[in-house]
Amino acid sequence: MAPSSEDLPELRQWSPSDAILEWTFDEEKQRMKVVAFGMQLVPKGGSKNKVQTAFAGINRFFSKLKPGGGERNPRCQPSGADPSALAGHIIDKEEDVLFIKKLPDFDGRISERDSELLLSYLTAPIPLMMQFFADEGR
């Protein structure tokens, strides 16, 4: 997912040293604080727990980067290759596809089996997708 424009640093030419992440632990708030590009980077999504370990904060920062809500405009449109967008259900990992009761068939163009493969492959690296579309039957 793309962050909103308000969450990103200003558009200008940055040097590689500007991108260096400075990690500190805020003892008062019990969470990690990350500074880069001359601003504090704030993760979107995560839980509101007051007590969390440094490792939980780092994990939440990288796994929950999502826009803050519908009131902001994203900087770019979400990818059409997002399995969640195609299925209409949240798909974070390959196993999530197994729990979808009605898989999309794209107006009868692909079978349920191929739909499951497609959505699963979209959670994986690109070579699997290339193999999927290389099949003459698709």
Protein backbone atom coordinates (compact mmCIF):
# COMPACT_ATOMS: atom_id res chain seq x y z
CA MET A 1 0.00 0.00 0.00
CA ALA A 2 1.16 3.51 -0.75
CA PRO A 3 1.40 6.03 2.08
CA SER A 4 -0.40 9.32 1.71
CA SER A 5 1.52 12.36 0.49
CA GLU A 6 1.39 13.95 3.94
CA ASP A 7 3.36 11.02 5.41
CA LEU A 8 6.23 11.28 2.94
CA PRO A 9 9.20 13.65 2.93
CA GLU A 10 9.05 16.62 0.60
CA LEU A 11 9.86 16.01 -3.06
CA ARG A 12 13.43 17.12 -3.68
CA GLN A 13 16.80 15.66 -4.49
CA TRP A 14 17.97 13.73 -1.45
CA SER A 15 21.46 12.43 -0.79
CA PRO A 16 22.04 8.81 0.24
CA SER A 17 23.02 9.99 3.73
CA ASP A 18 19.56 11.58 4.16
CA ALA A 19 18.05 8.09 3.92
CA ILE A 20 20.02 6.71 6.87
CA LEU A 21 17.58 5.54 9.51
CA GLU A 22 18.33 6.73 13.05
CA TRP A 23 16.72 4.31 15.51
CA THR A 24 16.11 5.24 19.15
CA PHE A 25 13.90 3.79 21.86
CA ASP A 26 11.45 6.18 23.54
CA GLU A 27 11.40 5.03 27.19
CA GLU A 28 8.33 7.12 28.01
CA LYS A 29 6.14 5.75 25.20
CA GLN A 30 7.83 2.31 25.19
CA ARG A 31 8.27 2.27 21.42
CA MET A 32 10.84 2.71 18.70
CA LYS A 33 11.38 6.10 17.11
CA VAL A 34 12.83 6.33 13.59
CA VAL A 35 14.17 9.51 11.98
CA ALA A 36 15.24 9.93 8.35
CA PHE A 37 14.90 12.56 5.63
CA GLY A 38 14.86 15.23 8.36
CA MET A 39 11.60 13.98 9.87
CA GLN A 40 10.24 11.35 12.24
CA LEU A 41 8.86 8.39 10.32
CA VAL A 42 5.53 7.24 11.74
CA PRO A 43 4.19 3.76 10.97
CA LYS A 44 0.54 3.58 9.97
CA GLY A 45 -1.79 0.84 11.10
CA GLY A 46 -0.33 -0.84 14.21
CA SER A 47 -2.08 -1.40 17.52
CA LYS A 48 -2.44 1.24 20.22
CA ASN A 49 -0.84 -0.83 23.00
CA LYS A 50 1.06 1.33 25.49
CA VAL A 51 3.50 -1.42 26.42
CA GLN A 52 5.51 -3.06 23.68
CA THR A 53 9.05 -4.30 23.36
CA ALA A 54 11.55 -2.77 20.99
CA PHE A 55 11.38 -5.81 18.71
CA ALA A 56 7.57 -5.73 18.59
CA GLY A 57 7.77 -2.06 17.62
CA ILE A 58 10.22 -2.78 14.81
CA ASN A 59 8.09 -5.68 13.57
CA ARG A 60 4.93 -3.57 13.64
CA PHE A 61 6.72 -0.75 11.80
CA PHE A 62 7.67 -2.96 8.87
CA SER A 63 4.57 -5.18 8.75
CA LYS A 64 1.85 -2.55 9.13
CA LEU A 65 2.88 0.25 6.77
CA LYS A 66 -0.54 1.33 5.56
CA PRO A 67 -2.22 4.64 4.86
CA GLY A 68 -3.66 6.36 7.92
CA GLY A 69 -7.21 6.27 6.64
CA GLY A 70 -9.57 7.09 3.80
CA GLU A 71 -9.47 10.83 4.38
CA ARG A 72 -6.08 11.22 2.73
CA ASN A 73 -5.26 10.76 -0.94
CA PRO A 74 -2.58 8.17 -1.66
CA ARG A 75 0.49 9.36 -3.53
CA CYS A 76 -0.18 6.71 -6.16
CA GLN A 77 -2.92 4.20 -6.85
CA PRO A 78 -2.64 0.80 -5.14
CA SER A 79 -1.09 -1.87 -7.34
CA GLY A 80 -3.42 -3.91 -9.54
CA ALA A 81 -1.22 -6.88 -8.66
CA ASP A 82 -2.40 -6.78 -5.05
CA PRO A 83 -4.11 -10.12 -4.34
CA SER A 84 -6.36 -8.42 -1.77
CA ALA A 85 -7.69 -6.04 -4.43
CA LEU A 86 -8.39 -8.88 -6.84
CA ALA A 87 -10.07 -11.18 -4.31
CA GLY A 88 -11.95 -8.59 -2.29
CA HIS A 89 -10.51 -10.10 0.92
CA ILE A 90 -7.39 -9.26 2.90
CA ILE A 91 -4.54 -11.49 1.72
CA ASP A 92 -1.24 -10.95 3.53
CA LYS A 93 0.30 -14.37 2.92
CA GLU A 94 -0.21 -17.40 0.72
CA GLU A 95 -2.23 -19.31 3.35
CA ASP A 96 -4.89 -16.55 3.42
CA VAL A 97 -6.00 -17.62 -0.06
CA LEU A 98 -7.10 -21.01 1.31
CA PHE A 99 -9.75 -19.39 3.51
CA ILE A 100 -11.57 -17.51 0.72
CA LYS A 101 -14.90 -19.22 0.08
CA LYS A 102 -15.58 -17.71 -3.37
CA LEU A 103 -12.51 -17.12 -5.51
CA PRO A 104 -12.77 -14.67 -8.40
CA ASP A 105 -13.08 -16.29 -11.85
CA PHE A 106 -12.64 -13.04 -13.81
CA ASP A 107 -15.91 -13.44 -15.74
CA GLY A 108 -15.33 -17.16 -16.33
CA ARG A 109 -11.89 -16.66 -17.85
CA ILE A 110 -10.02 -18.86 -15.37
CA SER A 111 -10.91 -21.88 -13.25
CA GLU A 112 -11.16 -21.88 -9.47
CA ARG A 113 -7.87 -23.79 -9.31
CA ASP A 114 -6.11 -21.21 -11.51
CA SER A 115 -7.62 -18.39 -9.47
CA GLU A 116 -6.19 -19.92 -6.30
CA LEU A 117 -2.80 -20.28 -7.99
CA LEU A 118 -2.85 -16.72 -9.28
CA LEU A 119 -3.72 -15.21 -5.91
CA SER A 120 -1.14 -17.40 -4.17
CA TYR A 121 1.55 -16.46 -6.67
CA LEU A 122 0.85 -12.77 -6.18
CA THR A 123 2.04 -13.19 -2.59
CA ALA A 124 5.31 -14.75 -3.82
CA PRO A 125 8.33 -13.58 -5.85
CA ILE A 126 7.95 -12.65 -9.53
CA PRO A 127 9.41 -15.86 -11.12
CA LEU A 128 6.34 -17.82 -10.01
CA MET A 129 4.08 -15.33 -11.82
CA MET A 130 6.15 -15.65 -14.98
CA GLN A 131 5.76 -19.43 -14.81
CA PHE A 132 1.97 -19.08 -14.31
CA PHE A 133 1.47 -16.92 -17.41
CA ALA A 134 3.94 -18.91 -19.52
CA ASP A 135 1.50 -21.86 -19.56
CA GLU A 136 -0.25 -21.94 -22.95
CA GLY A 137 -3.54 -22.90 -21.33
CA ARG A 138 -3.75 -19.53 -19.60
